[in-house]
Amino acid sequence: MQEIKRRMWLQYLMLLLIGLFVSQIFASADTKFYESFDEAFDGRWIVSEKEEYQGPWKHSKSEGHDDYGLLVSEKARKYAIVKELDEPVNLKDGTVVLQFETRLQNGLECGGAYLKYLRPQETGWVPKGFDNESPYSIMFGPDKCGGTNKVHFIFKHKNPKSGEYVEHHLKFPPSVPSDKLTHVYTAILKPDNELRILIDGEEKKKANFLSSEDFEPALIPAKTIPDPDDKKPEDWDERAKIPDPDATKPDDWDEDAPMEIEDEEAEKPEGWLDDEPEEIDDPEATKPEDWDDEEDGEWEAPKIDNPKCETAPGCGEWKRPMKRNPAYKGKWHAPLIDNPNYKGIWKPQQIPNPSYFELEKPNFEDIAAIGIEIWTMQDGILFDNILIAGDEKVAESFRETKWKPKFDVEKEKQKAEDEAASLSDGLKGYQKLVFDYLYKIADIPFLSDHKPKILDFIEKAEKQANLTIGALVSVVLIIFTFILRILFGGKKPAKVSGEAKKTDDVAETSNNQGSTEEKEETAEEDSTAAPCRRTTRRDN
């Protein structure tokens, strides 16, 4: 019995090992290319030597992780770098998955973070001369600047009729995530012409390479096009409506009647100062000492509002207000009727399109290299885990093992920072509200004698925000004390016994031994009825 169990366990172990071995072979066969940037990229990736591409690439850790990536290290630069594949990747047969990670550590206001999947060098480019003219098959990834905010998917396709390469742009692509976390971008090209765009493993866009609704311009041209030589006939009438030629203007229609007339029922208000101007010369203004009448002209005092007009209903010549004219009708126009000669909007006739061709699937050219050629105003863009695979599950596995652990850590950190910021903002708003009310309390008339001290206390508390609640309680207690004194008055001092007087004398002697600084402050307070204080936000 024990022997049978042992053999069963051995068979199970063998099957497990075989399964693992087969899965490894399957995975390696479906992983066309993978770059983790765990090691320095020097010698494997080639930096363009073109003069305009001076942006320095760096092998750097992702912020908060031990994971390395390829870093855009300086702002306002052009960058170009390329990696040749060991074997070209065929895009025509089977599923192809393009995937990579990008982290915009300092955000992205204006710049690109996309990859170019380049055609073989036989098409006219070399790695050290890699630039924006180098021929590619697919361009994929984030791009943001001004009104542009999209995850590009562009493919270049050769027109079999004209022989020209045409860029076909995905319509309505997804937007770029606006945070500073690591995101993984996936493009899945299926053999049935389907394209799926994923961000962080979530499908954001589905399209068909042959559909004119999904790509601009359409991969397959229209069968017919407008005849460029066709001209609109001179007697072609595109007006759907025309003025009624039989209509006449009514006899009582006055085109010259004004829109507004004086209100004859209006009366001048009592107290209106007809002889007073609305503005007068500023009586306190004086001619500047350096004013030169010959050079500067005759000096005139600046005008101010006439103070007499402030209490009167108005100054100057009174005029009746205007009101809408009930007889106003405006310019007369004949009513519109259906045009009996209307032929519709003219369009040129359609002719066969000489560039039309039929296609069952895109004729993609092989991918021979991966390049990053961007211009960006931001630094801190980090590329990592660039993958080309032949199976969606391989890409999913990489997302789960390479991207998701980092993203989860970053997400939790961001959540904690957002909560802390929200709490801080809430406290600041609460403190501002409290101090606004405290300043209003200081303006209460019956507290005017004590206003300088109250304001000074509020200012000190405002500089130490952690004392907000204490300040509020203290001011309320002060106000409450003043109210009690006003309501009940002060009590007469009790007769002091000899022993108590002696105790008070001792206490007074002790108090007189205070610091020189305290004495000086007391002397200053006693000598000044309304002490000067610094300008505060209250004074502003």
Protein backbone atom coordinates (compact mmCIF):
# COMPACT_ATOMS: atom_id res chain seq x y z
CA MET A 1 0.00 0.00 0.00
CA GLN A 2 2.80 2.38 0.93
CA GLU A 3 4.60 1.47 -2.29
CA ILE A 4 1.51 2.32 -4.38
CA LYS A 5 1.20 5.72 -2.68
CA ARG A 6 4.87 6.41 -3.23
CA ARG A 7 4.56 5.61 -6.95
CA MET A 8 1.46 7.81 -7.27
CA TRP A 9 3.30 10.72 -5.66
CA LEU A 10 6.25 10.20 -7.99
CA GLN A 11 3.95 10.16 -11.03
CA TYR A 12 2.20 13.31 -9.83
CA LEU A 13 5.56 15.00 -9.27
CA MET A 14 6.75 13.99 -12.73
CA LEU A 15 3.58 15.33 -14.36
CA LEU A 16 3.96 18.58 -12.44
CA LEU A 17 7.57 18.97 -13.56
CA ILE A 18 6.66 18.16 -17.16
CA GLY A 19 3.83 20.69 -17.02
CA LEU A 20 6.14 23.35 -15.67
CA PHE A 21 8.74 22.53 -18.29
CA VAL A 22 6.21 22.69 -21.11
CA SER A 23 4.76 25.96 -19.80
CA GLN A 24 8.25 27.48 -19.67
CA ILE A 25 8.88 26.43 -23.26
CA PHE A 26 5.47 27.82 -24.25
CA ALA A 27 6.12 31.11 -22.41
CA SER A 28 9.59 31.56 -23.87
CA ALA A 29 8.25 30.87 -27.33
CA ASP A 30 5.52 33.50 -26.89
CA THR A 31 7.87 36.13 -25.43
CA LYS A 32 9.32 37.74 -28.53
CA PHE A 33 11.18 40.47 -26.66
CA TYR A 34 11.50 41.61 -23.06
CA GLU A 35 13.51 44.39 -21.46
CA SER A 36 13.43 44.81 -17.68
CA PHE A 37 16.25 47.37 -17.39
CA ASP A 38 17.47 45.49 -14.32
CA GLU A 39 20.95 45.96 -15.77
CA ALA A 40 22.48 49.06 -17.32
CA PHE A 41 21.35 49.70 -20.89
CA ASP A 42 24.81 50.72 -22.17
CA GLY A 43 25.91 48.52 -25.04
CA ARG A 44 22.45 47.06 -25.55
CA TRP A 45 20.47 50.22 -26.36
CA ILE A 46 21.99 52.69 -28.80
CA VAL A 47 21.64 56.43 -28.17
CA SER A 48 21.11 58.51 -31.30
CA GLU A 49 24.07 60.65 -32.29
CA LYS A 50 21.94 63.15 -34.16
CA GLU A 51 22.78 66.71 -33.08
CA GLU A 52 19.26 67.69 -31.97
CA TYR A 53 18.90 64.71 -29.60
CA GLN A 54 20.92 65.88 -26.61
CA GLY A 55 18.66 64.57 -23.86
CA PRO A 56 20.68 62.34 -21.48
CA TRP A 57 19.22 58.91 -20.70
CA LYS A 58 19.91 57.41 -17.27
CA HIS A 59 19.60 53.98 -15.69
CA SER A 60 17.63 54.88 -12.57
CA LYS A 61 15.40 53.45 -9.87
CA SER A 62 11.71 54.18 -9.86
CA GLU A 63 10.94 56.51 -6.97
CA GLY A 64 10.11 54.47 -3.89
CA HIS A 65 11.18 51.14 -5.44
CA ASP A 66 14.31 49.07 -6.01
CA ASP A 67 13.17 48.48 -9.58
CA TYR A 68 15.23 50.12 -12.32
CA GLY A 69 14.07 51.72 -15.56
CA LEU A 70 15.15 53.98 -18.42
CA LEU A 71 14.89 57.60 -17.26
CA VAL A 72 14.36 60.88 -19.10
CA SER A 73 16.60 62.96 -16.82
CA GLU A 74 16.35 66.56 -18.05
CA LYS A 75 13.59 68.97 -19.05
CA ALA A 76 13.01 70.62 -22.44
CA ARG A 77 15.11 68.16 -24.44
CA LYS A 78 14.79 65.83 -27.39
CA TYR A 79 15.56 62.18 -26.69
CA ALA A 80 16.23 59.27 -29.02
CA ILE A 81 17.37 55.73 -28.22
CA VAL A 82 16.86 52.39 -29.99
CA LYS A 83 17.18 48.65 -29.34
CA GLU A 84 17.56 46.20 -32.21
CA LEU A 85 15.70 42.91 -31.83
CA ASP A 86 17.53 39.61 -32.18
CA GLU A 87 14.85 38.45 -34.60
CA PRO A 88 12.24 40.53 -36.45
CA VAL A 89 8.66 40.15 -35.17
CA ASN A 90 6.04 39.24 -37.76
CA LEU A 91 2.78 41.19 -37.27
CA LYS A 92 0.77 39.43 -39.96
CA ASP A 93 0.22 36.00 -38.42
CA GLY A 94 -1.29 35.29 -35.02
CA THR A 95 -1.76 37.52 -32.00
CA VAL A 96 0.87 40.13 -31.16
CA VAL A 97 0.89 41.99 -27.84
CA LEU A 98 2.84 45.22 -27.36
CA GLN A 99 3.22 46.26 -23.73
CA PHE A 100 5.34 48.63 -21.64
CA GLU A 101 5.27 50.61 -18.41
CA THR A 102 5.63 54.36 -18.05
CA ARG A 103 5.76 56.42 -14.89
CA LEU A 104 5.43 60.21 -15.15
CA GLN A 105 7.16 60.93 -11.87
CA ASN A 106 6.93 64.72 -12.29
CA GLY A 107 3.69 64.69 -14.27
CA LEU A 108 3.36 65.47 -17.97
CA GLU A 109 2.28 68.91 -19.15
CA CYS A 110 3.81 68.84 -22.62
CA GLY A 111 5.65 65.90 -24.10
CA GLY A 112 5.48 62.33 -25.31
CA ALA A 113 6.09 58.98 -23.61
CA TYR A 114 5.43 56.62 -26.51
CA LEU A 115 7.37 53.86 -28.28
CA LYS A 116 8.06 53.36 -31.97
CA TYR A 117 8.23 49.86 -33.39
CA LEU A 118 10.63 50.25 -36.28
CA ARG A 119 10.83 48.53 -39.63
CA PRO A 120 14.04 46.74 -40.74
CA GLN A 121 17.08 48.89 -41.44
CA GLU A 122 16.87 48.01 -45.11
CA THR A 123 14.11 50.61 -45.27
CA GLY A 124 16.68 53.36 -44.79
CA TRP A 125 17.80 54.05 -41.26
CA VAL A 126 20.67 53.22 -38.87
CA PRO A 127 20.57 53.08 -35.04
CA LYS A 128 23.07 55.92 -34.48
CA GLY A 129 21.08 58.09 -36.88
CA PHE A 130 17.70 57.28 -35.34
CA ASP A 131 15.35 60.30 -35.51
CA ASN A 132 11.73 61.24 -36.18
CA GLU A 133 12.10 60.33 -39.85
CA SER A 134 13.14 56.73 -39.15
CA PRO A 135 10.44 54.43 -40.65
CA TYR A 136 8.21 52.65 -38.18
CA SER A 137 5.33 50.20 -38.40
CA ILE A 138 3.54 51.19 -35.17
CA MET A 139 3.71 54.11 -32.74
CA PHE A 140 2.04 53.49 -29.39
CA GLY A 141 1.85 55.31 -26.06
CA PRO A 142 1.00 58.51 -24.16
CA ASP A 143 1.24 61.99 -25.67
CA LYS A 144 0.07 65.19 -23.98
CA CYS A 145 0.46 68.88 -24.79
CA GLY A 146 -2.06 71.70 -24.91
CA GLY A 147 -5.28 70.32 -26.37
CA THR A 148 -3.65 66.93 -27.06
CA ASN A 149 -4.20 64.27 -24.42
CA LYS A 150 -4.23 60.77 -25.87
CA VAL A 151 -2.69 57.34 -25.88
CA HIS A 152 -1.58 57.17 -29.50
CA PHE A 153 -1.94 54.16 -31.71
CA ILE A 154 -0.69 54.94 -35.21
CA PHE A 155 0.32 52.44 -37.85
CA LYS A 156 2.02 53.09 -41.17
CA HIS A 157 0.77 51.08 -44.10
CA LYS A 158 1.94 50.91 -47.69
CA ASN A 159 -0.74 51.66 -50.27
CA PRO A 160 -0.46 48.81 -52.78
CA LYS A 161 -1.71 51.07 -55.58
CA SER A 162 0.40 54.18 -55.05
CA GLY A 163 3.31 52.60 -53.16
CA GLU A 164 3.17 55.43 -50.57
CA TYR A 165 3.25 54.88 -46.81
CA VAL A 166 0.24 56.40 -45.06
CA GLU A 167 -0.15 57.07 -41.31
CA HIS A 168 -3.46 55.76 -39.95
CA HIS A 169 -4.46 57.24 -36.57
CA LEU A 170 -6.81 55.55 -34.12
CA LYS A 171 -9.94 57.67 -33.70
CA PHE A 172 -11.03 58.70 -30.20
CA PRO A 173 -8.08 57.13 -28.36
CA PRO A 174 -8.12 56.91 -24.54
CA SER A 175 -6.72 59.72 -22.39
CA VAL A 176 -3.45 59.65 -20.47
CA PRO A 177 -3.83 59.02 -16.69
CA SER A 178 -3.20 62.32 -14.92
CA ASP A 179 -1.39 61.02 -11.82
CA LYS A 180 2.28 60.23 -11.16
CA LEU A 181 1.88 56.46 -10.71
CA THR A 182 3.30 53.64 -12.81
CA HIS A 183 0.90 52.65 -15.59
CA VAL A 184 1.12 49.78 -18.04
CA TYR A 185 -0.04 50.24 -21.64
CA THR A 186 -1.05 47.23 -23.74
CA ALA A 187 -1.97 46.97 -27.43
CA ILE A 188 -3.33 43.60 -28.57
CA LEU A 189 -3.33 42.96 -32.33
CA LYS A 190 -5.55 39.99 -33.23
CA PRO A 191 -5.49 37.96 -36.48
CA ASP A 192 -9.17 38.83 -37.10
CA ASN A 193 -8.17 42.55 -37.52
CA GLU A 194 -9.26 43.46 -34.00
CA LEU A 195 -7.25 45.94 -31.94
CA ARG A 196 -7.66 46.32 -28.19
CA ILE A 197 -6.02 49.04 -26.08
CA LEU A 198 -5.63 48.34 -22.35
CA ILE A 199 -4.43 50.65 -19.59
CA ASP A 200 -3.49 48.87 -16.38
CA GLY A 201 -5.10 45.72 -17.75
CA GLU A 202 -8.48 47.42 -18.28
CA GLU A 203 -9.81 47.66 -21.83
CA LYS A 204 -10.17 51.30 -22.87
CA LYS A 205 -10.66 50.98 -26.63
CA LYS A 206 -11.62 48.33 -29.16
CA ALA A 207 -11.26 48.90 -32.89
CA ASN A 208 -11.07 47.15 -36.25
CA PHE A 209 -8.16 47.87 -38.58
CA LEU A 210 -10.42 47.73 -41.64
CA SER A 211 -13.17 50.00 -40.27
CA SER A 212 -13.35 53.58 -41.53
CA GLU A 213 -15.05 54.49 -38.24
CA ASP A 214 -11.99 53.49 -36.22
CA PHE A 215 -9.05 54.93 -38.17
CA GLU A 216 -8.35 58.22 -39.91
CA PRO A 217 -7.74 58.02 -42.78
CA ALA A 218 -9.41 54.67 -43.38
CA LEU A 219 -7.06 51.81 -44.25
CA ILE A 220 -9.19 50.83 -47.25
CA PRO A 221 -9.95 53.92 -49.37
CA ALA A 222 -13.49 54.72 -50.51
CA LYS A 223 -14.60 53.07 -53.75
CA THR A 224 -15.62 56.41 -55.21
CA ILE A 225 -14.46 60.00 -54.77
CA PRO A 226 -15.92 63.40 -55.79
CA ASP A 227 -15.02 64.29 -59.37
CA PRO A 228 -12.44 67.10 -59.03
CA ASP A 229 -13.36 68.40 -62.49
CA ASP A 230 -17.11 68.62 -61.89
CA LYS A 231 -18.47 72.18 -61.55
CA LYS A 232 -21.77 73.49 -60.13
CA PRO A 233 -24.13 74.79 -62.88
CA GLU A 234 -24.68 78.54 -62.82
CA ASP A 235 -28.47 78.18 -62.55
CA TRP A 236 -28.30 75.78 -59.60
CA ASP A 237 -30.43 77.24 -56.80
CA GLU A 238 -29.47 76.04 -53.27
CA ARG A 239 -31.93 78.32 -51.44
CA ALA A 240 -34.63 76.29 -49.68
CA LYS A 241 -36.62 79.45 -48.78
CA ILE A 242 -37.01 82.78 -50.60
CA PRO A 243 -38.79 86.08 -49.79
CA ASP A 244 -42.42 86.09 -50.98
CA PRO A 245 -42.35 88.25 -54.14
CA ASP A 246 -46.09 89.02 -53.81
CA ALA A 247 -45.89 90.31 -50.25
CA THR A 248 -46.18 94.08 -49.62
CA LYS A 249 -45.39 96.21 -46.60
CA PRO A 250 -48.48 97.20 -44.55
CA ASP A 251 -49.48 100.87 -44.74
CA ASP A 252 -49.19 101.37 -40.98
CA TRP A 253 -45.64 99.92 -40.83
CA ASP A 254 -43.33 102.79 -39.83
CA GLU A 255 -39.71 101.76 -40.41
CA ASP A 256 -38.44 105.10 -39.08
CA ALA A 257 -40.06 104.80 -35.65
CA PRO A 258 -37.29 104.76 -32.96
CA MET A 259 -36.88 101.76 -30.67
CA GLU A 260 -37.04 103.98 -27.53
CA ILE A 261 -38.84 107.23 -26.72
CA GLU A 262 -38.89 109.61 -23.73
CA ASP A 263 -41.21 108.67 -20.88
CA GLU A 264 -43.63 111.65 -20.89
CA GLU A 265 -45.15 110.56 -17.59
CA ALA A 266 -41.85 110.77 -15.71
CA GLU A 267 -41.39 113.68 -13.27
CA LYS A 268 -38.24 115.19 -11.86
CA PRO A 269 -37.65 113.97 -8.27
CA GLU A 270 -37.94 116.48 -5.49
CA GLY A 271 -34.63 117.80 -4.27
CA TRP A 272 -32.87 117.36 -7.61
CA LEU A 273 -29.86 119.75 -7.70
CA ASP A 274 -29.95 121.19 -11.23
CA ASP A 275 -27.13 123.67 -10.63
CA GLU A 276 -24.74 121.23 -9.00
CA PRO A 277 -22.25 119.30 -11.17
CA GLU A 278 -21.77 115.58 -10.53
CA GLU A 279 -18.01 116.11 -10.10
CA ILE A 280 -16.02 119.00 -8.66
CA ASP A 281 -12.34 119.91 -8.37
CA ASP A 282 -10.63 118.25 -5.42
CA PRO A 283 -10.27 121.13 -2.92
CA GLU A 284 -7.39 119.39 -1.15
CA ALA A 285 -5.35 118.90 -4.30
CA THR A 286 -2.36 121.21 -4.79
CA LYS A 287 -0.22 121.88 -7.78
CA PRO A 288 3.04 119.87 -7.63
CA GLU A 289 6.16 121.93 -6.96
CA ASP A 290 7.93 120.52 -10.02
CA TRP A 291 5.00 121.29 -12.37
CA ASP A 292 6.13 123.36 -15.35
CA ASP A 293 3.23 125.11 -17.11
CA GLU A 294 5.28 125.59 -20.28
CA GLU A 295 6.25 121.93 -20.55
CA ASP A 296 3.36 120.21 -18.73
CA GLY A 297 0.55 122.58 -19.71
CA GLU A 298 -1.90 124.36 -17.44
CA TRP A 299 -2.38 122.39 -14.20
CA GLU A 300 -5.90 121.27 -13.37
CA ALA A 301 -7.03 119.81 -10.08
CA PRO A 302 -8.28 116.20 -10.27
CA LYS A 303 -12.01 115.66 -10.07
CA ILE A 304 -13.89 114.02 -7.18
CA ASP A 305 -17.57 113.13 -6.67
CA ASN A 306 -19.62 116.11 -5.56
CA PRO A 307 -20.46 115.44 -1.89
CA LYS A 308 -23.72 117.39 -2.22
CA CYS A 309 -24.96 114.80 -4.69
CA GLU A 310 -24.59 111.97 -2.19
CA THR A 311 -27.70 113.01 -0.25
CA ALA A 312 -29.69 114.33 -3.24
CA PRO A 313 -31.60 112.16 -5.74
CA GLY A 314 -29.36 113.57 -8.50
CA CYS A 315 -27.32 116.47 -9.85
CA GLY A 316 -27.02 118.36 -13.12
CA GLU A 317 -29.55 118.74 -15.87
CA TRP A 318 -32.51 116.37 -15.36
CA LYS A 319 -33.69 114.45 -18.40
CA ARG A 320 -36.69 112.20 -18.80
CA PRO A 321 -35.76 108.47 -18.87
CA MET A 322 -36.26 106.49 -22.06
CA LYS A 323 -38.81 103.70 -22.49
CA ARG A 324 -39.59 101.19 -25.25
CA ASN A 325 -41.55 102.64 -28.16
CA PRO A 326 -44.84 100.67 -28.56
CA ALA A 327 -44.99 101.77 -32.23
CA TYR A 328 -41.54 100.38 -33.04
CA LYS A 329 -41.55 97.57 -35.64
CA GLY A 330 -38.14 97.86 -37.26
CA LYS A 331 -37.19 97.16 -40.84
CA TRP A 332 -39.90 95.38 -42.81
CA HIS A 333 -38.99 92.12 -44.56
CA ALA A 334 -41.12 90.00 -46.82
CA PRO A 335 -42.06 86.62 -45.28
CA LEU A 336 -40.22 83.52 -46.57
CA ILE A 337 -41.88 80.88 -48.73
CA ASP A 338 -40.69 77.58 -50.23
CA ASN A 339 -38.42 78.12 -53.21
CA PRO A 340 -40.03 76.48 -56.28
CA ASN A 341 -36.59 76.33 -57.98
CA TYR A 342 -34.79 74.71 -55.04
CA LYS A 343 -32.56 71.82 -56.14
CA GLY A 344 -30.74 71.03 -52.90
CA ILE A 345 -27.10 71.47 -51.93
CA TRP A 346 -24.94 70.79 -54.95
CA LYS A 347 -22.33 68.03 -54.75
CA PRO A 348 -19.89 66.93 -57.43
CA GLN A 349 -20.61 63.60 -59.01
CA GLN A 350 -18.80 60.51 -57.78
CA ILE A 351 -16.19 58.74 -59.90
CA PRO A 352 -14.21 55.51 -59.25
CA ASN A 353 -11.32 56.07 -56.84
CA PRO A 354 -8.05 55.26 -58.66
CA SER A 355 -6.41 54.54 -55.26
CA TYR A 356 -9.06 52.05 -54.12
CA PHE A 357 -7.97 48.54 -53.17
CA GLU A 358 -9.45 45.64 -51.29
CA LEU A 359 -7.74 44.02 -48.34
CA GLU A 360 -8.56 41.17 -45.99
CA LYS A 361 -6.05 42.24 -43.33
CA PRO A 362 -3.36 44.91 -42.90
CA ASN A 363 -0.07 44.25 -44.65
CA PHE A 364 2.08 45.13 -41.63
CA GLU A 365 5.83 45.14 -42.06
CA ASP A 366 8.00 43.34 -39.52
CA ILE A 367 9.24 44.99 -36.33
CA ALA A 368 13.05 44.94 -36.30
CA ALA A 369 13.73 47.40 -33.44
CA ILE A 370 12.11 49.37 -30.63
CA GLY A 371 12.84 53.06 -30.38
CA ILE A 372 11.94 55.94 -28.08
CA GLU A 373 12.05 59.28 -29.91
CA ILE A 374 10.37 62.06 -27.96
CA TRP A 375 10.46 65.76 -27.17
CA THR A 376 9.33 66.67 -23.68
CA MET A 377 9.20 69.65 -21.32
CA GLN A 378 9.17 67.35 -18.26
CA ASP A 379 11.87 65.17 -16.75
CA GLY A 380 11.30 62.10 -14.59
CA ILE A 381 9.64 59.97 -17.30
CA LEU A 382 10.58 56.36 -16.58
CA PHE A 383 10.18 53.48 -19.07
CA ASP A 384 10.24 49.87 -17.87
CA ASN A 385 9.27 46.27 -18.68
CA ILE A 386 8.99 46.58 -22.45
CA LEU A 387 7.41 43.42 -23.85
CA ILE A 388 6.46 41.94 -27.20
CA ALA A 389 4.55 38.67 -26.82
CA GLY A 390 2.50 36.28 -28.89
CA ASP A 391 -0.06 35.51 -26.18
CA GLU A 392 -2.31 37.77 -24.08
CA LYS A 393 -1.76 35.55 -21.03
CA VAL A 394 1.97 36.20 -21.15
CA ALA A 395 1.33 39.95 -21.05
CA GLU A 396 -1.19 39.47 -18.25
CA SER A 397 1.36 37.46 -16.27
CA PHE A 398 3.91 40.26 -16.62
CA ARG A 399 1.35 42.81 -15.46
CA GLU A 400 0.53 40.76 -12.38
CA THR A 401 4.12 40.04 -11.40
CA LYS A 402 6.00 43.15 -12.56
CA TRP A 403 3.58 46.08 -12.62
CA LYS A 404 0.83 45.43 -10.07
CA PRO A 405 3.04 45.12 -6.93
CA LYS A 406 4.60 48.51 -7.69
CA PHE A 407 1.28 50.12 -8.54
CA ASP A 408 -0.38 48.89 -5.34
CA VAL A 409 2.41 50.37 -3.21
CA GLU A 410 2.24 53.69 -5.06
CA LYS A 411 -1.56 53.75 -4.82
CA GLU A 412 -1.52 53.26 -1.06
CA LYS A 413 1.13 55.94 -0.65
CA GLN A 414 -0.86 58.37 -2.78
CA LYS A 415 -4.03 57.58 -0.82
CA ALA A 416 -2.28 58.34 2.47
CA GLU A 417 -0.85 61.60 1.08
CA ASP A 418 -4.26 62.65 -0.27
CA GLU A 419 -5.92 61.94 3.08
CA ALA A 420 -3.23 63.91 4.93
CA ALA A 421 -3.56 66.81 2.48
CA SER A 422 -7.35 66.74 2.79
CA LEU A 423 -7.11 66.79 6.59
CA SER A 424 -4.61 69.65 6.46
CA ASP A 425 -6.80 71.66 4.08
CA GLY A 426 -9.81 71.03 6.29
CA LEU A 427 -7.95 72.27 9.40
CA LYS A 428 -6.68 75.35 7.56
CA GLY A 429 -10.21 76.15 6.42
CA TYR A 430 -11.54 75.66 9.95
CA GLN A 431 -8.79 77.86 11.45
CA LYS A 432 -9.41 80.63 8.91
CA LEU A 433 -13.13 80.58 9.71
CA VAL A 434 -12.42 80.78 13.46
CA PHE A 435 -10.04 83.72 13.14
CA ASP A 436 -12.38 85.57 10.78
CA TYR A 437 -15.05 85.40 13.48
CA LEU A 438 -12.58 86.41 16.21
CA TYR A 439 -11.66 89.55 14.28
CA LYS A 440 -15.36 90.36 13.90
CA ILE A 441 -15.83 89.90 17.66
CA ALA A 442 -13.00 92.38 18.28
CA ASP A 443 -15.06 95.01 16.43
CA ILE A 444 -17.95 94.81 18.93
CA PRO A 445 -18.46 98.41 20.23
CA PHE A 446 -18.52 97.66 23.97
CA LEU A 447 -15.09 95.96 23.63
CA SER A 448 -13.48 99.04 22.00
CA ASP A 449 -11.45 99.91 25.13
CA HIS A 450 -9.86 96.48 25.06
CA LYS A 451 -9.63 96.07 21.26
CA PRO A 452 -5.81 96.50 20.95
CA LYS A 453 -5.14 93.76 23.51
CA ILE A 454 -7.70 91.42 21.95
CA LEU A 455 -6.26 91.95 18.47
CA ASP A 456 -2.72 91.38 19.73
CA PHE A 457 -3.82 88.14 21.36
CA ILE A 458 -5.59 86.96 18.17
CA GLU A 459 -2.51 87.74 16.06
CA LYS A 460 -0.26 85.70 18.32
CA ALA A 461 -2.69 82.77 18.21
CA GLU A 462 -2.94 83.06 14.42
CA LYS A 463 0.81 82.61 14.09
CA GLN A 464 0.56 79.43 16.17
CA ALA A 465 -2.33 77.64 14.47
CA ASN A 466 -2.29 74.83 17.03
CA LEU A 467 -3.60 77.35 19.59
CA THR A 468 -6.76 78.05 17.59
CA ILE A 469 -9.17 76.35 19.99
CA GLY A 470 -7.41 77.88 23.01
CA ALA A 471 -7.64 81.31 21.44
CA LEU A 472 -11.33 80.87 20.76
CA VAL A 473 -12.06 79.76 24.33
CA SER A 474 -9.96 82.57 25.83
CA VAL A 475 -11.61 85.31 23.78
CA VAL A 476 -15.06 83.96 24.65
CA LEU A 477 -14.15 83.95 28.38
CA ILE A 478 -12.87 87.53 28.13
CA ILE A 479 -16.07 88.67 26.45
CA PHE A 480 -18.18 86.78 29.00
CA THR A 481 -16.26 88.49 31.86
CA PHE A 482 -16.83 91.92 30.32
CA ILE A 483 -20.55 91.21 29.96
CA LEU A 484 -20.79 90.17 33.64
CA ARG A 485 -19.05 93.37 34.71
CA ILE A 486 -21.41 95.45 32.60
CA LEU A 487 -24.51 93.69 33.94
CA PHE A 488 -23.59 93.44 37.64
CA GLY A 489 -20.88 96.07 38.09
CA GLY A 490 -17.81 95.72 40.29
CA LYS A 491 -18.05 94.78 43.98
CA LYS A 492 -16.79 97.08 46.75
CA PRO A 493 -13.45 95.95 48.11
CA ALA A 494 -13.73 94.16 51.48
CA LYS A 495 -12.01 95.54 54.54
CA VAL A 496 -8.51 94.19 54.69
CA SER A 497 -7.29 92.80 58.03
CA GLY A 498 -3.82 93.48 59.27
CA GLU A 499 -2.65 89.94 58.64
CA ALA A 500 -4.06 89.94 55.12
CA LYS A 501 -2.49 93.33 54.49
CA LYS A 502 0.85 91.97 55.60
CA THR A 503 0.48 89.02 53.28
CA ASP A 504 -0.38 91.36 50.42
CA ASP A 505 2.69 93.49 51.20
CA VAL A 506 4.87 90.39 51.00
CA ALA A 507 3.28 89.39 47.73
CA GLU A 508 3.73 92.88 46.33
CA THR A 509 7.39 92.85 47.35
CA SER A 510 7.84 89.49 45.65
CA ASN A 511 6.14 90.78 42.50
CA ASN A 512 8.38 93.83 42.43
CA GLN A 513 11.35 91.48 42.07
CA GLY A 514 10.23 90.45 38.58
CA SER A 515 12.46 90.66 35.52
CA THR A 516 13.51 94.01 34.12
CA GLU A 517 11.85 93.10 30.84
CA GLU A 518 8.46 92.58 32.50
CA LYS A 519 8.78 95.91 34.28
CA GLU A 520 9.60 97.69 31.06
CA GLU A 521 6.60 96.12 29.32
CA THR A 522 4.35 97.19 32.22
CA ALA A 523 5.72 100.71 32.10
CA GLU A 524 5.09 100.88 28.36
CA GLU A 525 1.49 99.70 28.79
CA ASP A 526 0.85 102.22 31.59
CA SER A 527 2.34 105.13 29.66
CA THR A 528 0.39 104.55 26.44
CA ALA A 529 -3.39 104.69 26.29
CA ALA A 530 -3.67 103.14 22.80
CA PRO A 531 -0.43 101.21 22.06
CA CYS A 532 0.75 101.07 18.45
CA ARG A 533 0.75 97.67 16.81
CA ARG A 534 2.00 96.22 13.53
CA THR A 535 -0.16 96.14 10.42
CA THR A 536 -2.23 92.98 10.31
CA ARG A 537 -4.54 91.32 7.81
CA ARG A 538 -7.34 92.96 9.81
CA ASP A 539 -6.03 96.42 8.91
CA ASN A 540 -5.77 95.39 5.27
